[in-house]
Amino acid sequence: MSQTPEPTEEDCPPPLPAHDARVLTGGGVCARIVLDGTAYTLRITRGGKLILTK
């Protein structure tokens, strides 16, 4: 059984959609993102990094 490789920037046709994380979080630090019925949490850390968790 072979695994599908992770998508890279080359897999996405230009122009790439861009979304401001601060807009997604409504000015806060967390946002819920849903993909195919599965919810993920996007969090902006104090250091300005992004963490996406299931």
C-alpha atoms as a PDB file:
ATOM      1  CA  MET A   1       0.000   0.000   0.000  1.00  0.00           C
ATOM      2  CA  SER A   2       1.525   3.342  -1.040  1.00  0.00           C
ATOM      3  CA  GLN A   3       0.959   6.623   0.742  1.00  0.00           C
ATOM      4  CA  THR A   4      -0.022   9.804  -1.058  1.00  0.00           C
ATOM      5  CA  PRO A   5       2.716  12.426  -0.703  1.00  0.00           C
ATOM      6  CA  GLU A   6       1.955  15.716   1.033  1.00  0.00           C
ATOM      7  CA  PRO A   7       0.960  18.457  -1.427  1.00  0.00           C
ATOM      8  CA  THR A   8       3.610  21.050  -2.220  1.00  0.00           C
ATOM      9  CA  GLU A   9       3.398  24.592  -3.586  1.00  0.00           C
ATOM     10  CA  GLU A  10       3.994  23.121  -7.048  1.00  0.00           C
ATOM     11  CA  ASP A  11       0.718  21.142  -6.676  1.00  0.00           C
ATOM     12  CA  CYS A  12      -1.324  24.367  -6.326  1.00  0.00           C
ATOM     13  CA  PRO A  13      -1.875  26.368  -9.495  1.00  0.00           C
ATOM     14  CA  PRO A  14      -0.989  30.070  -9.252  1.00  0.00           C
ATOM     15  CA  PRO A  15      -2.219  32.419  -8.024  1.00  0.00           C
ATOM     16  CA  LEU A  16      -2.425  30.788  -4.611  1.00  0.00           C
ATOM     17  CA  PRO A  17      -5.310  31.928  -2.422  1.00  0.00           C
ATOM     18  CA  ALA A  18      -4.052  33.974   0.525  1.00  0.00           C
ATOM     19  CA  HIS A  19      -5.920  34.311   3.821  1.00  0.00           C
ATOM     20  CA  ASP A  20      -4.800  36.549   6.673  1.00  0.00           C
ATOM     21  CA  ALA A  21      -4.677  34.441   9.852  1.00  0.00           C
ATOM     22  CA  ARG A  22      -5.687  37.443  11.960  1.00  0.00           C
ATOM     23  CA  VAL A  23      -8.815  37.853   9.825  1.00  0.00           C
ATOM     24  CA  LEU A  24      -9.576  34.108  10.098  1.00  0.00           C
ATOM     25  CA  THR A  25      -9.366  34.363  13.886  1.00  0.00           C
ATOM     26  CA  GLY A  26     -11.519  37.493  13.977  1.00  0.00           C
ATOM     27  CA  GLY A  27      -8.723  39.407  15.678  1.00  0.00           C
ATOM     28  CA  GLY A  28      -8.343  36.718  18.342  1.00  0.00           C
ATOM     29  CA  VAL A  29      -5.912  33.837  18.497  1.00  0.00           C
ATOM     30  CA  CYS A  30      -8.026  30.822  17.459  1.00  0.00           C
ATOM     31  CA  ALA A  31     -10.225  29.807  14.548  1.00  0.00           C
ATOM     32  CA  ARG A  32     -12.053  26.613  13.665  1.00  0.00           C
ATOM     33  CA  ILE A  33     -11.404  25.296  10.143  1.00  0.00           C
ATOM     34  CA  VAL A  34     -13.507  22.436   8.741  1.00  0.00           C
ATOM     35  CA  LEU A  35     -12.329  20.088   5.983  1.00  0.00           C
ATOM     36  CA  ASP A  36     -14.638  17.314   4.767  1.00  0.00           C
ATOM     37  CA  GLY A  37     -16.591  17.396   8.018  1.00  0.00           C
ATOM     38  CA  THR A  38     -13.486  17.260  10.230  1.00  0.00           C
ATOM     39  CA  ALA A  39     -12.846  20.287  12.454  1.00  0.00           C
ATOM     40  CA  TYR A  40      -9.342  21.649  13.004  1.00  0.00           C
ATOM     41  CA  THR A  41      -8.181  24.463  15.289  1.00  0.00           C
ATOM     42  CA  LEU A  42      -5.859  27.152  13.971  1.00  0.00           C
ATOM     43  CA  ARG A  43      -3.998  28.957  16.743  1.00  0.00           C
ATOM     44  CA  ILE A  44      -1.645  31.927  16.652  1.00  0.00           C
ATOM     45  CA  THR A  45       1.043  31.542  19.321  1.00  0.00           C
ATOM     46  CA  ARG A  46       2.471  34.390  21.404  1.00  0.00           C
ATOM     47  CA  GLY A  47       5.563  34.165  19.205  1.00  0.00           C
ATOM     48  CA  GLY A  48       3.502  34.781  16.048  1.00  0.00           C
ATOM     49  CA  LYS A  49       3.658  31.193  14.747  1.00  0.00           C
ATOM     50  CA  LEU A  50       0.687  29.159  13.505  1.00  0.00           C
ATOM     51  CA  ILE A  51      -0.365  25.780  14.895  1.00  0.00           C
ATOM     52  CA  LEU A  52      -3.044  23.668  13.204  1.00  0.00           C
ATOM     53  CA  THR A  53      -4.416  20.761  15.263  1.00  0.00           C
ATOM     54  CA  LYS A  54      -7.163  18.221  14.780  1.00  0.00           C
END
